């Protein structure tokens, strides 16, 4: 699996235009033919094209200079130089393209197949046939090709997903996304096992598909950069629905008090609001995980009453055994279908 890279700076260098030619007709019985120098070809453009087939900028890690082909020079007999080939670079949907020098946002590539010309190739130079005048019938002048654009570009990826899985480290997000989708993240019994976001496609009934993002564990202070902080909070911005996993962590011998799931929920929502007030307003679903454990069973109804009083859908599941997961997926799938019916075209903020 490729490493996850969500920000990178590259140089886009379009192709220069080809030079125009200085040439004259050289035909039998025409010793002094007129000018016949052809124009140079246009240089190739550098184009970014968004694709849903990628979810990382890893392919650009060792490809920092993106060069399109130069235009070919013109030739004799008014032969036009061949245009340089464009360079099309595939990048993940959800990538923001910035001018690295000015920090200007150039484009937000949110649609599969969406293209943006980031550096334009130079025009081909004119051949001497273009410079004939009444006073100068044999010009010996031609234009050089135009110098193409070169730009330093900063790419920032914000993953596009219908649903984001939130929760403290080791709450079971990776196990859940493995249960419901084609994602296969690393799973282990220690904090911050997931160090990169994972995307999974859920295939629901009637051939409905939706994308779920497993956002790495957030902790108090994430909005200030603690834990994995800003690096992953930005990926929550693109999700439409947040599924918030909570767990009952019992007090164990030799340890301080176990974490409280209600306080965990409010802590993470405070971090979302501190990072971007709009995030805390997103629709949320609460999933109490690890119902196969006694401590969770003892508090399930108390927690259900609390969150339903907040008008938040509440589900009791075991990501490990699959208990209750189908009901959660049905609710999320129905929500996604309803949202897509209201907004047939993906509408995502550019910032």
Protein backbone atom coordinates (compact mmCIF):
# COMPACT_ATOMS: atom_id res chain seq x y z
CA UNK A 1 0.00 0.00 0.00
CA UNK A 2 1.31 3.49 -0.89
CA UNK A 3 2.19 5.87 1.92
CA UNK A 4 -0.39 8.54 2.61
CA UNK A 5 0.77 12.01 1.57
CA UNK A 6 -1.74 14.86 1.68
CA UNK A 7 0.45 17.90 0.96
CA UNK A 8 3.30 18.43 -1.47
CA UNK A 9 5.00 21.16 -3.53
CA UNK A 10 5.81 20.52 -7.18
CA UNK A 11 7.07 22.59 -10.10
CA UNK A 12 4.90 22.63 -13.22
CA UNK A 13 6.95 23.47 -16.31
CA UNK A 14 5.07 23.73 -19.59
CA UNK A 15 6.80 23.25 -22.93
CA UNK A 16 8.34 26.20 -24.77
CA UNK A 17 7.07 26.95 -28.24
CA UNK A 18 9.13 25.77 -31.19
CA UNK A 19 11.16 28.30 -33.17
CA UNK A 20 9.97 29.53 -36.56
CA UNK A 21 12.12 28.62 -39.56
CA UNK A 22 13.98 30.78 -42.06
CA UNK A 23 13.83 28.98 -45.39
CA UNK A 24 13.26 29.68 -49.08
CA UNK A 25 11.75 27.75 -51.93
CA UNK A 26 14.38 25.77 -53.78
CA UNK A 27 12.73 24.34 -56.88
CA UNK A 28 13.92 23.58 -60.36
CA UNK A 29 13.74 26.59 -62.65
CA UNK A 30 12.99 28.87 -59.68
CA UNK A 31 16.44 29.96 -58.54
CA UNK A 32 15.17 32.67 -56.23
CA UNK A 33 12.05 31.28 -54.62
CA UNK A 34 10.16 33.17 -51.99
CA UNK A 35 10.26 32.62 -48.22
CA UNK A 36 8.97 29.23 -47.09
CA UNK A 37 9.85 28.96 -43.40
CA UNK A 38 7.14 27.30 -41.32
CA UNK A 39 5.91 28.20 -37.86
CA UNK A 40 7.08 26.42 -34.74
CA UNK A 41 4.72 24.16 -32.82
CA UNK A 42 2.99 25.10 -29.58
CA UNK A 43 4.49 23.76 -26.36
CA UNK A 44 2.57 21.25 -24.28
CA UNK A 45 0.48 22.23 -21.26
CA UNK A 46 0.73 20.76 -17.76
CA UNK A 47 -2.74 19.59 -16.76
CA UNK A 48 -4.05 18.25 -13.44
CA UNK A 49 -6.90 15.76 -13.71
CA UNK A 50 -8.85 14.60 -10.66
CA UNK A 51 -9.51 10.90 -10.24
CA UNK A 52 -11.40 8.88 -7.65
CA UNK A 53 -8.94 6.03 -8.19
CA UNK A 54 -6.35 7.74 -5.97
CA UNK A 55 -6.52 8.92 -2.36
CA UNK A 56 -2.94 10.06 -1.78
CA UNK A 57 -0.38 12.35 -3.42
CA UNK A 58 2.29 9.67 -2.99
CA UNK A 59 2.87 9.31 -6.74
CA UNK A 60 4.31 12.86 -6.80
CA UNK A 61 6.77 12.26 -3.97
CA UNK A 62 9.65 11.49 -6.35
CA UNK A 63 8.26 13.45 -9.26
CA UNK A 64 8.62 17.03 -8.12
CA UNK A 65 9.22 18.58 -11.58
CA UNK A 66 6.37 18.11 -14.04
CA UNK A 67 7.57 18.91 -17.56
CA UNK A 68 5.49 19.00 -20.71
CA UNK A 69 7.10 18.55 -24.13
CA UNK A 70 8.49 21.48 -26.09
CA UNK A 71 7.06 22.40 -29.47
CA UNK A 72 9.13 21.36 -32.48
CA UNK A 73 10.70 24.01 -34.76
CA UNK A 74 9.19 24.87 -38.10
CA UNK A 75 10.71 23.56 -41.30
CA UNK A 76 11.26 24.36 -44.95
CA UNK A 77 8.42 24.23 -47.47
CA UNK A 78 6.15 25.93 -44.91
CA UNK A 79 6.19 22.86 -42.70
CA UNK A 80 4.58 23.61 -39.34
CA UNK A 81 6.43 22.23 -36.31
CA UNK A 82 4.68 19.52 -34.30
CA UNK A 83 3.05 20.68 -31.09
CA UNK A 84 4.49 19.38 -27.84
CA UNK A 85 2.51 16.72 -26.00
CA UNK A 86 0.55 17.86 -22.97
CA UNK A 87 1.45 16.32 -19.62
CA UNK A 88 -1.65 15.15 -17.76
CA UNK A 89 -1.05 14.41 -14.08
CA UNK A 90 -3.65 12.40 -12.16
CA UNK A 91 -4.33 13.59 -8.62
CA UNK A 92 -7.01 12.57 -6.11
CA UNK A 93 -10.42 14.20 -6.07
CA UNK A 94 -10.55 16.64 -3.20
CA UNK A 95 -7.17 18.22 -4.00
CA UNK A 96 -6.78 21.97 -3.66
CA UNK A 97 -4.26 23.55 -6.03
CA UNK A 98 -2.41 26.63 -4.75
CA UNK A 99 0.20 28.93 -6.24
CA UNK A 100 3.08 28.20 -3.86
CA UNK A 101 4.51 31.73 -4.17
CA UNK A 102 1.32 33.74 -3.54
CA UNK A 103 -0.75 31.10 -1.70
CA UNK A 104 -3.61 31.88 -4.10
CA UNK A 105 -6.14 29.06 -4.46
CA UNK A 106 -6.23 28.25 -8.17
CA UNK A 107 -8.81 25.46 -8.20
CA UNK A 108 -10.53 22.91 -5.98
CA UNK A 109 -10.74 19.62 -7.89
CA UNK A 110 -13.81 17.92 -6.42
CA UNK A 111 -15.28 16.12 -9.45
CA UNK A 112 -13.97 12.89 -10.95
CA UNK A 113 -12.40 13.74 -14.32
CA UNK A 114 -12.24 17.49 -13.63
CA UNK A 115 -9.23 19.09 -15.35
CA UNK A 116 -7.24 22.26 -14.78
CA UNK A 117 -4.41 23.66 -16.90
CA UNK A 118 -1.82 24.71 -14.33
CA UNK A 119 0.91 25.82 -16.77
CA UNK A 120 0.32 26.76 -20.41
CA UNK A 121 2.71 25.93 -23.19
CA UNK A 122 4.36 28.67 -25.20
CA UNK A 123 3.17 29.63 -28.67
CA UNK A 124 5.25 28.59 -31.63
CA UNK A 125 7.41 31.21 -33.30
CA UNK A 126 6.47 32.57 -36.72
CA UNK A 127 8.46 31.43 -39.74
CA UNK A 128 9.89 33.93 -42.22
CA UNK A 129 6.98 33.36 -44.61
CA UNK A 130 4.91 35.38 -42.13
CA UNK A 131 7.08 38.48 -42.51
CA UNK A 132 6.67 39.14 -46.25
CA UNK A 133 5.78 42.77 -46.97
CA UNK A 134 5.56 44.89 -50.09
CA UNK A 135 9.00 46.26 -49.36
CA UNK A 136 10.63 43.05 -48.14
CA UNK A 137 9.87 40.02 -50.28
CA UNK A 138 12.70 37.90 -48.87
CA UNK A 139 12.66 38.33 -45.09
CA UNK A 140 15.36 36.53 -43.19
CA UNK A 141 13.64 36.86 -39.89
CA UNK A 142 11.75 34.34 -37.77
CA UNK A 143 10.47 34.36 -34.21
CA UNK A 144 11.83 32.15 -31.46
CA UNK A 145 9.26 30.10 -29.65
CA UNK A 146 7.49 31.70 -26.70
CA UNK A 147 8.82 30.81 -23.27
CA UNK A 148 6.26 28.71 -21.43
CA UNK A 149 4.84 29.13 -17.94
CA UNK A 150 6.68 27.66 -14.97
CA UNK A 151 4.93 27.67 -11.60
CA UNK A 152 5.60 26.28 -8.17
CA UNK A 153 2.41 24.58 -7.04
CA UNK A 154 1.31 23.45 -3.60
CA UNK A 155 -1.17 20.58 -3.58
CA UNK A 156 -3.28 19.95 -0.49
CA UNK A 157 -5.55 16.93 -0.31
CA UNK A 158 -8.75 16.98 1.73
CA UNK A 159 -10.34 13.58 1.39
CA UNK A 160 -13.84 13.42 -0.07
CA UNK A 161 -16.10 11.04 1.81
CA UNK A 162 -19.80 10.79 2.50
CA UNK A 163 -19.24 9.61 6.07
CA UNK A 164 -16.46 10.24 8.59
CA UNK A 165 -15.74 7.95 11.53
CA UNK A 166 -14.72 9.89 14.63
CA UNK A 167 -13.62 8.85 18.08
CA UNK A 168 -10.77 8.60 20.54
CA UNK A 169 -7.79 6.37 19.68
CA UNK A 170 -8.47 2.62 19.93
CA UNK A 171 -12.25 3.10 20.10
CA UNK A 172 -12.70 0.65 17.21
CA UNK A 173 -12.96 2.81 14.09
CA UNK A 174 -10.54 0.69 12.05
CA UNK A 175 -12.34 -2.51 13.07
CA UNK A 176 -15.68 -1.01 12.05
CA UNK A 177 -14.51 0.21 8.64
CA UNK A 178 -13.10 -3.28 8.01
CA UNK A 179 -16.50 -4.78 8.87
CA UNK A 180 -18.53 -2.56 6.56
CA UNK A 181 -16.25 -1.79 3.62
CA UNK A 182 -13.37 -2.92 1.43
CA UNK A 183 -10.78 -1.03 3.53
CA UNK A 184 -8.13 -3.06 5.35
CA UNK A 185 -6.37 -0.74 7.80
CA UNK A 186 -3.82 -1.87 10.37
CA UNK A 187 -5.50 -2.87 13.66
CA UNK A 188 -3.78 -3.33 17.03
CA UNK A 189 -4.42 -2.84 20.73
CA UNK A 190 -2.54 0.43 21.19
CA UNK A 191 -3.24 4.10 20.64
CA UNK A 192 -2.66 5.72 17.25
CA UNK A 193 -2.45 2.46 15.32
CA UNK A 194 -4.07 4.39 12.47
CA UNK A 195 -1.64 7.10 11.45
CA UNK A 196 -3.28 7.96 8.13
CA UNK A 197 -6.92 8.32 7.07
CA UNK A 198 -8.41 5.21 5.49
CA UNK A 199 -11.10 5.29 2.82
CA UNK A 200 -13.53 2.44 2.32
CA UNK A 201 -16.41 1.93 -0.11
CA UNK A 202 -19.57 0.52 1.46
CA UNK A 203 -21.77 -1.42 -0.96
CA UNK A 204 -25.27 -1.16 0.45
CA UNK A 205 -28.59 -2.55 -0.75
CA UNK A 206 -29.89 -1.85 -4.27
CA UNK A 207 -26.31 -1.30 -5.49
CA UNK A 208 -25.95 1.93 -3.51
CA UNK A 209 -22.34 2.81 -2.72
CA UNK A 210 -20.98 5.41 -0.34
CA UNK A 211 -17.50 6.31 0.89
CA UNK A 212 -16.48 6.16 4.55
CA UNK A 213 -13.33 7.77 5.95
CA UNK A 214 -11.69 6.44 9.11
CA UNK A 215 -10.23 9.61 10.61
CA UNK A 216 -7.27 8.78 12.90
CA UNK A 217 -7.90 9.13 16.64
CA UNK A 218 -8.48 12.67 17.84
CA UNK A 219 -7.64 13.82 21.35
CA UNK A 220 -8.22 16.92 23.43
CA UNK A 221 -6.10 19.72 21.99
CA UNK A 222 -6.25 18.38 18.42
CA UNK A 223 -7.47 21.76 17.15
CA UNK A 224 -4.20 23.20 18.47
CA UNK A 225 -2.14 20.51 16.77
CA UNK A 226 -1.84 18.00 19.62
CA UNK A 227 -1.85 14.30 18.83
CA UNK A 228 -2.33 14.10 15.07
CA UNK A 229 -4.09 17.47 15.23
CA UNK A 230 -4.50 19.67 12.17
CA UNK A 231 -3.02 16.99 9.95
CA UNK A 232 -6.29 15.05 10.04
CA UNK A 233 -8.96 17.46 11.26
CA UNK A 234 -8.91 19.02 7.79
CA UNK A 235 -10.14 15.73 6.32
CA UNK A 236 -13.31 15.96 8.42
CA UNK A 237 -14.22 19.16 6.53
CA UNK A 238 -15.20 17.19 3.42
CA UNK A 239 -17.49 14.66 5.09
CA UNK A 240 -21.27 15.08 5.17
CA UNK A 241 -22.18 12.84 8.08
CA UNK A 242 -20.14 12.08 11.20
CA UNK A 243 -20.43 8.69 12.89
CA UNK A 244 -19.07 9.19 16.38
CA UNK A 245 -17.81 5.99 18.04
CA UNK A 246 -17.74 5.93 21.82
CA UNK A 247 -16.82 3.22 24.31
CA UNK A 248 -17.09 2.55 28.03
CA UNK A 249 -13.57 2.33 29.44
CA UNK A 250 -13.78 0.73 32.89
CA UNK A 251 -11.51 1.64 35.79
CA UNK A 252 -8.79 -0.99 36.10
CA UNK A 253 -6.54 -1.81 39.01
CA UNK A 254 -3.50 0.43 39.09
CA UNK A 255 -5.07 2.97 36.66
CA UNK A 256 -6.86 6.25 37.12
CA UNK A 257 -10.55 6.55 36.36
CA UNK A 258 -11.60 5.17 32.99
CA UNK A 259 -12.65 7.68 30.31
CA UNK A 260 -16.28 8.68 30.27
CA UNK A 261 -17.97 8.26 26.84
CA UNK A 262 -20.18 11.31 27.30
CA UNK A 263 -17.22 13.52 28.11
CA UNK A 264 -15.24 11.98 25.23
CA UNK A 265 -18.07 12.93 22.87
CA UNK A 266 -18.16 16.53 24.08
CA UNK A 267 -14.36 16.87 24.05
CA UNK A 268 -14.12 15.88 20.42
CA UNK A 269 -17.00 18.15 19.45
CA UNK A 270 -15.25 21.03 21.17
CA UNK A 271 -12.17 20.28 19.08
CA UNK A 272 -14.26 20.25 15.91
CA UNK A 273 -15.82 23.59 16.80
CA UNK A 274 -12.45 25.11 17.66
CA UNK A 275 -11.02 24.00 14.31
CA UNK A 276 -14.08 25.06 12.28
CA UNK A 277 -17.42 26.04 13.88
CA UNK A 278 -19.29 24.55 10.92
CA UNK A 279 -17.96 21.07 11.69
CA UNK A 280 -19.78 20.89 15.01
CA UNK A 281 -23.06 21.55 13.15
CA UNK A 282 -22.74 18.48 10.90
CA UNK A 283 -25.27 15.70 11.33
CA UNK A 284 -23.95 13.08 13.73
CA UNK A 285 -24.77 9.49 14.61
CA UNK A 286 -23.62 7.94 17.89
CA UNK A 287 -22.39 4.34 17.91
CA UNK A 288 -21.62 2.77 21.28
CA UNK A 289 -19.01 0.15 20.46
CA UNK A 290 -17.88 -3.01 22.28
CA UNK A 291 -21.33 -4.13 23.46
CA UNK A 292 -19.76 -7.59 23.81
CA UNK A 293 -18.04 -6.27 26.95
CA UNK A 294 -19.82 -6.28 30.32
CA UNK A 295 -18.93 -2.68 31.21
CA UNK A 296 -20.59 -1.46 28.02
CA UNK A 297 -23.73 -3.55 28.55
CA UNK A 298 -24.20 -2.05 32.02
CA UNK A 299 -24.28 1.53 30.71
CA UNK A 300 -25.91 1.07 27.30
CA UNK A 301 -29.44 2.20 28.22
CA UNK A 302 -28.19 5.15 30.28
CA UNK A 303 -26.15 6.35 27.30
CA UNK A 304 -29.01 5.74 24.89
CA UNK A 305 -31.30 7.97 26.97
CA UNK A 306 -28.67 10.71 27.15
CA UNK A 307 -27.94 10.92 23.42
CA UNK A 308 -31.53 10.47 22.29
CA UNK A 309 -32.40 13.42 24.54
CA UNK A 310 -29.95 15.37 22.36
CA UNK A 311 -31.91 14.12 19.30
CA UNK A 312 -28.92 12.13 18.07
CA UNK A 313 -29.48 8.68 16.51
CA UNK A 314 -27.96 6.08 18.83
CA UNK A 315 -26.79 2.57 17.99
CA UNK A 316 -25.24 -0.16 20.11
CA UNK A 317 -22.74 -2.26 18.17
CA UNK A 318 -19.78 -4.58 18.38
CA UNK A 319 -17.39 -3.85 15.54
CA UNK A 320 -15.49 -7.02 16.47
CA UNK A 321 -18.44 -9.45 16.25
CA UNK A 322 -20.67 -7.49 13.86
CA UNK A 323 -23.56 -7.24 16.33
CA UNK A 324 -25.75 -4.21 15.55
CA UNK A 325 -23.57 -3.12 12.64
CA UNK A 326 -26.20 -3.83 9.95
CA UNK A 327 -28.70 -1.49 11.61
CA UNK A 328 -26.08 1.26 11.76
CA UNK A 329 -25.19 0.81 8.08
CA UNK A 330 -28.88 0.85 7.11
CA UNK A 331 -29.36 4.17 8.89
CA UNK A 332 -26.25 5.70 7.35
CA UNK A 333 -27.09 4.37 3.88
CA UNK A 334 -30.61 5.80 4.04
CA UNK A 335 -29.22 9.15 5.14
CA UNK A 336 -26.70 9.24 2.28
CA UNK A 337 -29.35 8.31 -0.31
CA UNK A 338 -31.67 11.04 0.97
CA UNK A 339 -28.90 13.63 0.86
CA UNK A 340 -27.85 12.71 -2.65
CA UNK A 341 -31.47 12.96 -3.80
CA UNK A 342 -31.59 16.52 -2.46
CA UNK A 343 -28.19 17.42 -3.93
CA UNK A 344 -27.60 15.42 -7.13
CA UNK A 345 -24.39 17.29 -7.74
CA UNK A 346 -21.71 17.15 -5.10
CA UNK A 347 -21.57 20.52 -3.39
CA UNK A 348 -18.40 21.01 -1.38
CA UNK A 349 -16.84 24.17 -0.06
CA UNK A 350 -13.67 25.21 -1.88
CA UNK A 351 -11.96 26.04 1.34
